[in-house]
């Protein structure tokens, strides 16, 4: 039986798509808010939520996993700033705010930010 694939492809091959999403994740961590399309924001939201949950653990293993995923600078910010903000919160660390469509191609835009 044919099973549907999970996630959006963004008309990219797997390695390009992973790098593209990783760049969006890093930008969101370092900037706390990014303007992007609605589809991109929806795709990185669960990934960011998972990273924040790992950072909240505060263990050495979690730190190494984050460094391996998003790099040193972003992992440091996750542990020192972002994870400390959400110690009492058990999920829902990001919000997506819809904006009006882009004039050139009509793409639905959104702002994704940490709550």
N, C-alpha and C. Protein backbone atom coordinates (compact mmCIF):
# COMPACT_ATOMS: atom_id res chain seq x y z
N UNK A 1 0.83 -1.16 0.00
CA UNK A 1 0.00 0.00 0.00
C UNK A 1 0.89 1.25 0.00
N UNK A 2 0.50 2.22 -0.79
CA UNK A 2 1.27 3.46 -0.89
C UNK A 2 1.03 4.33 0.34
N UNK A 3 2.08 4.72 1.00
CA UNK A 3 1.98 5.59 2.17
C UNK A 3 2.46 6.98 1.82
N UNK A 4 1.76 7.94 2.30
CA UNK A 4 2.13 9.32 2.02
C UNK A 4 3.34 9.72 2.85
N UNK A 5 4.24 10.50 2.26
CA UNK A 5 5.43 10.95 2.96
C UNK A 5 5.10 12.12 3.88
N UNK A 6 5.81 12.18 4.97
CA UNK A 6 5.57 13.22 5.96
C UNK A 6 6.47 14.41 5.66
N UNK A 7 5.95 15.61 5.77
CA UNK A 7 6.76 16.81 5.60
C UNK A 7 6.71 17.36 4.19
N UNK A 8 7.11 18.58 4.07
CA UNK A 8 7.12 19.26 2.78
C UNK A 8 8.49 19.09 2.13
N UNK A 9 8.50 19.08 0.80
CA UNK A 9 9.78 18.89 0.10
C UNK A 9 10.37 20.20 -0.38
N UNK A 10 9.56 21.23 -0.54
CA UNK A 10 10.03 22.54 -0.99
C UNK A 10 10.79 22.45 -2.32
N UNK A 11 10.47 21.48 -3.14
CA UNK A 11 11.10 21.29 -4.46
C UNK A 11 12.61 21.21 -4.35
N UNK A 12 13.09 20.53 -3.32
CA UNK A 12 14.52 20.36 -3.11
C UNK A 12 14.82 18.90 -2.85
N UNK A 13 16.06 18.54 -3.15
CA UNK A 13 16.50 17.19 -2.82
C UNK A 13 16.76 17.11 -1.32
N UNK A 14 16.90 15.90 -0.80
CA UNK A 14 16.97 15.69 0.64
C UNK A 14 18.09 16.48 1.31
N UNK A 15 19.29 16.42 0.78
CA UNK A 15 20.40 17.12 1.43
C UNK A 15 20.22 18.63 1.39
N UNK A 16 19.71 19.14 0.28
CA UNK A 16 19.47 20.57 0.17
C UNK A 16 18.36 21.01 1.12
N UNK A 17 17.33 20.18 1.24
CA UNK A 17 16.20 20.50 2.12
C UNK A 17 16.64 20.50 3.58
N UNK A 18 17.46 19.54 3.97
CA UNK A 18 17.95 19.51 5.35
C UNK A 18 18.77 20.75 5.67
N UNK A 19 19.65 21.13 4.75
CA UNK A 19 20.49 22.31 4.96
C UNK A 19 19.62 23.58 5.01
N UNK A 20 18.64 23.64 4.16
CA UNK A 20 17.73 24.79 4.10
C UNK A 20 16.96 24.95 5.41
N UNK A 21 16.40 23.86 5.93
CA UNK A 21 15.65 23.91 7.17
C UNK A 21 16.56 24.19 8.36
N UNK A 22 17.76 23.66 8.32
CA UNK A 22 18.72 23.91 9.39
C UNK A 22 19.10 25.39 9.43
N UNK A 23 19.24 26.00 8.27
CA UNK A 23 19.53 27.43 8.21
C UNK A 23 18.39 28.25 8.80
N UNK A 24 17.15 27.85 8.52
CA UNK A 24 16.00 28.55 9.11
C UNK A 24 15.97 28.38 10.62
N UNK A 25 16.28 27.17 11.09
CA UNK A 25 16.30 26.92 12.53
C UNK A 25 17.36 27.78 13.22
N UNK A 26 18.56 27.81 12.66
CA UNK A 26 19.63 28.62 13.24
C UNK A 26 19.25 30.09 13.28
N UNK A 27 18.67 30.57 12.19
CA UNK A 27 18.27 31.97 12.13
C UNK A 27 17.24 32.30 13.21
N UNK A 28 16.28 31.40 13.40
CA UNK A 28 15.26 31.63 14.42
C UNK A 28 15.87 31.63 15.81
N UNK A 29 16.79 30.73 16.07
CA UNK A 29 17.42 30.66 17.39
C UNK A 29 18.24 31.92 17.65
N UNK A 30 19.00 32.35 16.67
CA UNK A 30 19.89 33.50 16.87
C UNK A 30 19.15 34.84 16.85
N UNK A 31 18.08 34.93 16.06
CA UNK A 31 17.37 36.20 15.91
C UNK A 31 16.10 36.29 16.76
N UNK A 32 15.60 35.16 17.26
CA UNK A 32 14.36 35.07 18.05
C UNK A 32 13.09 35.30 17.24
N UNK A 33 13.19 35.75 16.01
CA UNK A 33 12.01 35.99 15.17
C UNK A 33 12.47 36.09 13.72
N UNK A 34 11.77 35.40 12.82
CA UNK A 34 12.10 35.51 11.40
C UNK A 34 10.83 35.66 10.57
N UNK A 35 10.96 36.36 9.47
CA UNK A 35 9.89 36.52 8.50
C UNK A 35 10.14 35.50 7.40
N UNK A 36 9.15 34.67 7.10
CA UNK A 36 9.31 33.63 6.09
C UNK A 36 7.93 33.28 5.55
N UNK A 37 7.84 32.26 4.72
CA UNK A 37 6.53 31.84 4.23
C UNK A 37 5.84 30.98 5.28
N UNK A 38 4.54 30.87 5.15
CA UNK A 38 3.75 30.10 6.11
C UNK A 38 4.16 28.63 6.11
N UNK A 39 4.40 28.06 4.94
CA UNK A 39 4.78 26.65 4.85
C UNK A 39 6.12 26.39 5.53
N UNK A 40 7.06 27.27 5.35
CA UNK A 40 8.38 27.12 5.99
C UNK A 40 8.25 27.22 7.50
N UNK A 41 7.46 28.18 7.96
CA UNK A 41 7.27 28.35 9.40
C UNK A 41 6.63 27.11 10.01
N UNK A 42 5.64 26.55 9.35
CA UNK A 42 4.98 25.35 9.86
C UNK A 42 5.90 24.15 9.86
N UNK A 43 6.82 24.12 8.94
CA UNK A 43 7.74 22.99 8.86
C UNK A 43 8.81 23.04 9.96
N UNK A 44 9.29 24.22 10.30
CA UNK A 44 10.35 24.26 11.32
C UNK A 44 9.82 24.32 12.74
N UNK A 45 8.55 24.63 12.90
CA UNK A 45 8.01 24.75 14.25
C UNK A 45 8.20 23.50 15.11
N UNK A 46 7.80 22.30 14.67
CA UNK A 46 8.01 21.13 15.53
C UNK A 46 9.48 20.82 15.77
N UNK A 47 10.32 21.14 14.80
CA UNK A 47 11.75 20.89 14.97
C UNK A 47 12.33 21.79 16.06
N UNK A 48 11.93 23.06 16.06
CA UNK A 48 12.39 24.01 17.07
C UNK A 48 11.86 23.61 18.45
N UNK A 49 10.60 23.19 18.51
CA UNK A 49 10.02 22.79 19.79
C UNK A 49 10.82 21.63 20.38
N UNK A 50 11.21 20.68 19.56
CA UNK A 50 11.98 19.54 20.02
C UNK A 50 13.35 19.98 20.53
N UNK A 51 13.97 20.93 19.82
CA UNK A 51 15.28 21.42 20.25
C UNK A 51 15.20 22.14 21.60
N UNK A 52 14.15 22.91 21.82
CA UNK A 52 13.99 23.60 23.09
C UNK A 52 13.80 22.59 24.21
N UNK A 53 13.03 21.54 23.95
CA UNK A 53 12.81 20.50 24.95
C UNK A 53 14.13 19.83 25.32
N UNK A 54 14.98 19.56 24.33
CA UNK A 54 16.30 18.98 24.60
C UNK A 54 17.14 19.95 25.44
N UNK A 55 17.10 21.22 25.09
CA UNK A 55 17.90 22.21 25.81
C UNK A 55 17.44 22.35 27.26
N UNK A 56 16.15 22.17 27.51
CA UNK A 56 15.64 22.27 28.87
C UNK A 56 16.18 21.17 29.78
N UNK A 57 16.57 20.04 29.21
CA UNK A 57 17.12 18.95 30.02
C UNK A 57 18.41 19.37 30.70
N UNK A 58 19.23 20.14 29.98
CA UNK A 58 20.44 20.68 30.57
C UNK A 58 21.57 19.69 30.76
N UNK A 59 21.47 18.50 30.22
CA UNK A 59 22.51 17.50 30.39
C UNK A 59 23.62 17.69 29.36
N UNK A 60 24.74 17.07 29.63
CA UNK A 60 25.86 17.12 28.70
C UNK A 60 25.48 16.46 27.37
N UNK A 61 24.76 15.36 27.44
CA UNK A 61 24.34 14.66 26.23
C UNK A 61 23.42 15.55 25.38
N UNK A 62 22.52 16.27 26.04
CA UNK A 62 21.62 17.18 25.31
C UNK A 62 22.41 18.32 24.68
N UNK A 63 23.40 18.83 25.41
CA UNK A 63 24.24 19.91 24.87
C UNK A 63 24.99 19.44 23.63
N UNK A 64 25.57 18.25 23.72
CA UNK A 64 26.32 17.71 22.57
C UNK A 64 25.40 17.45 21.39
N UNK A 65 24.20 16.99 21.67
CA UNK A 65 23.25 16.74 20.58
C UNK A 65 22.87 18.04 19.89
N UNK A 66 22.65 19.10 20.65
CA UNK A 66 22.31 20.38 20.06
C UNK A 66 23.48 20.96 19.27
N UNK A 67 24.68 20.84 19.80
CA UNK A 67 25.85 21.34 19.08
C UNK A 67 25.99 20.60 17.76
N UNK A 68 25.75 19.31 17.77
CA UNK A 68 25.82 18.52 16.54
C UNK A 68 24.73 18.88 15.55
N UNK A 69 23.61 19.35 16.05
CA UNK A 69 22.49 19.67 15.17
C UNK A 69 22.57 21.09 14.64
N UNK A 70 22.64 22.08 15.52
CA UNK A 70 22.55 23.48 15.08
C UNK A 70 23.85 24.25 15.17
N UNK A 71 24.90 23.67 15.73
CA UNK A 71 26.18 24.36 15.83
C UNK A 71 26.38 24.99 17.20
N UNK A 72 27.60 25.40 17.46
CA UNK A 72 27.99 25.86 18.78
C UNK A 72 27.34 27.14 19.25
N UNK A 73 27.31 28.15 18.40
CA UNK A 73 26.78 29.45 18.81
C UNK A 73 25.28 29.37 19.11
N UNK A 74 24.55 28.70 18.22
CA UNK A 74 23.10 28.56 18.43
C UNK A 74 22.80 27.68 19.64
N UNK A 75 23.58 26.62 19.83
CA UNK A 75 23.36 25.74 20.98
C UNK A 75 23.63 26.49 22.28
N UNK A 76 24.65 27.31 22.30
CA UNK A 76 24.97 28.09 23.49
C UNK A 76 23.82 29.03 23.84
N UNK A 77 23.26 29.69 22.84
CA UNK A 77 22.14 30.58 23.08
C UNK A 77 20.91 29.81 23.56
N UNK A 78 20.71 28.62 23.00
CA UNK A 78 19.57 27.79 23.43
C UNK A 78 19.67 27.46 24.91
N UNK A 79 20.85 27.06 25.36
CA UNK A 79 21.02 26.66 26.75
C UNK A 79 21.01 27.85 27.70
N UNK A 80 21.67 28.94 27.33
CA UNK A 80 21.83 30.05 28.25
C UNK A 80 20.63 30.99 28.30
N UNK A 81 19.92 31.15 27.19
CA UNK A 81 18.82 32.11 27.17
C UNK A 81 17.46 31.45 26.99
N UNK A 82 17.30 30.73 25.89
CA UNK A 82 15.98 30.25 25.51
C UNK A 82 15.45 29.19 26.46
N UNK A 83 16.26 28.19 26.80
CA UNK A 83 15.79 27.11 27.68
C UNK A 83 15.42 27.63 29.06
N UNK A 84 16.15 28.62 29.55
CA UNK A 84 15.86 29.17 30.88
C UNK A 84 14.52 29.91 30.90
N UNK A 85 14.13 30.47 29.77
CA UNK A 85 12.86 31.18 29.68
C UNK A 85 11.67 30.24 29.85
N UNK A 86 11.84 28.98 29.44
CA UNK A 86 10.71 28.06 29.37
C UNK A 86 10.79 26.92 30.37
N UNK A 87 11.42 27.13 31.51
CA UNK A 87 11.54 26.05 32.49
C UNK A 87 10.18 25.61 33.02
N UNK A 88 9.25 26.52 33.19
CA UNK A 88 7.93 26.19 33.72
C UNK A 88 6.95 25.78 32.62
N UNK A 89 7.28 26.02 31.39
CA UNK A 89 6.37 25.76 30.28
C UNK A 89 6.61 24.37 29.72
N UNK A 90 5.54 23.66 29.39
CA UNK A 90 5.70 22.28 28.91
C UNK A 90 5.34 22.14 27.43
N UNK A 91 5.67 23.12 26.63
CA UNK A 91 5.40 23.04 25.20
C UNK A 91 4.87 24.37 24.70
N UNK A 92 4.75 24.49 23.38
CA UNK A 92 4.23 25.73 22.80
C UNK A 92 5.18 26.88 22.96
N UNK A 93 6.42 26.68 22.55
CA UNK A 93 7.45 27.70 22.73
C UNK A 93 7.47 28.72 21.60
N UNK A 94 6.82 28.42 20.49
CA UNK A 94 6.83 29.31 19.33
C UNK A 94 5.42 29.70 18.95
N UNK A 95 5.33 30.82 18.23
CA UNK A 95 4.03 31.23 17.68
C UNK A 95 4.24 31.63 16.24
N UNK A 96 3.23 31.40 15.42
CA UNK A 96 3.26 31.78 14.01
C UNK A 96 2.18 32.84 13.81
N UNK A 97 2.59 33.99 13.32
CA UNK A 97 1.68 35.10 13.05
C UNK A 97 1.56 35.23 11.53
N UNK A 98 0.35 35.16 11.03
CA UNK A 98 0.13 35.24 9.59
C UNK A 98 0.21 36.70 9.13
N UNK A 99 0.76 36.88 7.93
CA UNK A 99 0.84 38.21 7.33
C UNK A 99 0.12 38.16 5.99
N UNK A 100 0.00 39.32 5.35
CA UNK A 100 -0.67 39.34 4.05
C UNK A 100 0.23 38.72 2.99
N UNK A 101 -0.34 38.20 1.92
CA UNK A 101 0.46 37.53 0.89
C UNK A 101 1.46 38.45 0.22
N UNK A 102 2.54 37.85 -0.26
CA UNK A 102 3.58 38.59 -0.96
C UNK A 102 3.02 39.03 -2.31
N UNK A 103 3.32 40.25 -2.73
CA UNK A 103 2.75 40.79 -3.96
C UNK A 103 3.28 40.10 -5.20
N UNK A 104 4.55 39.74 -5.20
CA UNK A 104 5.15 39.21 -6.42
C UNK A 104 4.59 37.85 -6.83
N UNK A 105 4.47 36.93 -5.88
CA UNK A 105 4.02 35.59 -6.24
C UNK A 105 2.82 35.10 -5.44
N UNK A 106 2.32 35.93 -4.54
CA UNK A 106 1.13 35.56 -3.78
C UNK A 106 1.37 34.56 -2.67
N UNK A 107 2.63 34.32 -2.32
CA UNK A 107 2.94 33.35 -1.26
C UNK A 107 2.45 33.89 0.09
N UNK A 108 1.84 33.01 0.88
CA UNK A 108 1.38 33.41 2.20
C UNK A 108 2.58 33.56 3.12
N UNK A 109 2.71 34.73 3.73
CA UNK A 109 3.85 35.02 4.59
C UNK A 109 3.46 34.86 6.06
N UNK A 110 4.47 34.66 6.87
CA UNK A 110 4.25 34.50 8.31
C UNK A 110 5.49 34.95 9.05
N UNK A 111 5.30 35.23 10.33
CA UNK A 111 6.39 35.52 11.24
C UNK A 111 6.38 34.38 12.26
N UNK A 112 7.53 33.76 12.46
CA UNK A 112 7.63 32.74 13.50
C UNK A 112 8.57 33.30 14.56
N UNK A 113 8.16 33.19 15.82
CA UNK A 113 8.94 33.77 16.89
C UNK A 113 8.76 32.94 18.15
N UNK A 114 9.68 33.14 19.10
CA UNK A 114 9.54 32.51 20.40
C UNK A 114 8.54 33.29 21.21
N UNK A 115 7.72 32.59 21.97
CA UNK A 115 6.67 33.22 22.79
C UNK A 115 7.32 33.97 23.93
